[in-house]
Amino acid sequence: MLMIIDINALADDTHRLGFIQREIPDWQAFYRPELIEKDTVFPGAAKALELAIGHFYTPIFIAGRPESTRGATTRWLADKL
């Protein structure tokens, strides 16, 4: 069975929110690869994913991030999960 997962449901990006919670959001800064790689995993998210895979679910990861963040996002997934 497939399980579709929005990466942003796993990644805690609160340390980057200051860039977009202003009068003129700075999306370029928000999506800087070196900052994406510093995102943490929400508590329990990795364990939930592990349990789902243990029950024969195949995760399909999706994201609404710019293509320019693919490398940082891929590294984040490999490092954090």
Protein backbone atom coordinates (compact mmCIF):
# COMPACT_ATOMS: atom_id res chain seq x y z
CA MET A 1 0.00 0.00 0.00
CA LEU A 2 1.16 3.53 -0.70
CA MET A 3 1.29 6.30 1.86
CA ILE A 4 1.65 9.85 0.56
CA ILE A 5 3.54 12.12 2.94
CA ASP A 6 3.97 15.85 2.69
CA ILE A 7 7.56 16.49 3.76
CA ASN A 8 6.43 19.62 5.56
CA ALA A 9 4.36 17.42 7.89
CA LEU A 10 7.66 15.88 9.03
CA ALA A 11 9.99 18.88 9.01
CA ASP A 12 9.86 21.46 11.76
CA ASP A 13 10.83 24.67 9.95
CA THR A 14 9.94 27.10 12.73
CA HIS A 15 13.51 28.43 12.79
CA ARG A 16 12.92 29.74 9.22
CA LEU A 17 9.47 31.25 9.71
CA GLY A 18 10.82 34.70 10.55
CA PHE A 19 11.70 35.15 6.88
CA ILE A 20 8.08 34.86 5.77
CA GLN A 21 6.23 36.29 8.77
CA ARG A 22 6.93 39.85 7.81
CA GLU A 23 5.23 42.47 5.71
CA ILE A 24 7.21 41.44 2.64
CA PRO A 25 8.03 37.73 2.90
CA ASP A 26 11.53 36.70 1.85
CA TRP A 27 10.86 33.32 0.26
CA GLN A 28 14.36 33.09 -1.16
CA ALA A 29 15.84 33.27 2.34
CA PHE A 30 13.20 30.88 3.72
CA TYR A 31 14.21 28.24 1.17
CA ARG A 32 18.00 28.59 1.56
CA PRO A 33 19.40 25.05 1.36
CA GLU A 34 21.68 25.44 4.38
CA LEU A 35 18.65 26.39 6.49
CA ILE A 36 16.45 23.58 5.17
CA GLU A 37 19.09 21.09 6.26
CA LYS A 38 18.84 22.47 9.81
CA ASP A 39 15.12 21.64 10.08
CA THR A 40 14.37 19.12 12.78
CA VAL A 41 11.87 16.28 12.66
CA PHE A 42 8.60 16.82 14.50
CA PRO A 43 8.46 14.65 17.62
CA GLY A 44 6.98 11.25 16.80
CA ALA A 45 7.12 11.72 13.02
CA ALA A 46 10.07 9.40 12.42
CA LYS A 47 8.56 6.71 14.65
CA ALA A 48 5.18 6.98 12.91
CA LEU A 49 6.88 6.59 9.54
CA GLU A 50 8.86 3.60 10.83
CA LEU A 51 5.65 1.95 12.08
CA ALA A 52 3.88 2.54 8.77
CA ILE A 53 6.76 1.02 6.80
CA GLY A 54 6.71 -1.90 9.24
CA HIS A 55 3.08 -2.46 8.27
CA PHE A 56 4.08 -2.66 4.59
CA TYR A 57 3.26 0.89 3.57
CA THR A 58 5.48 2.41 0.90
CA PRO A 59 6.04 6.12 1.52
CA ILE A 60 5.77 8.55 -1.37
CA PHE A 61 7.16 11.92 -0.35
CA ILE A 62 5.74 15.13 -1.81
CA ALA A 63 6.48 18.78 -1.19
CA GLY A 64 5.41 22.18 -2.44
CA ARG A 65 9.00 23.42 -2.31
CA PRO A 66 10.84 25.02 -5.21
CA GLU A 67 12.89 22.69 -7.42
CA SER A 68 16.02 24.52 -6.27
CA THR A 69 15.59 22.90 -2.84
CA ARG A 70 15.53 19.31 -4.11
CA GLY A 71 19.15 18.59 -3.12
CA ALA A 72 18.80 20.02 0.38
CA THR A 73 15.47 18.24 0.87
CA THR A 74 16.90 14.91 -0.30
CA ARG A 75 19.88 15.29 2.04
CA TRP A 76 17.53 16.21 4.89
CA LEU A 77 15.45 13.08 4.33
CA ALA A 78 18.55 10.89 4.22
CA ASP A 79 20.05 12.48 7.34
CA LYS A 80 16.95 12.83 9.52
CA LEU A 81 14.82 9.81 8.67
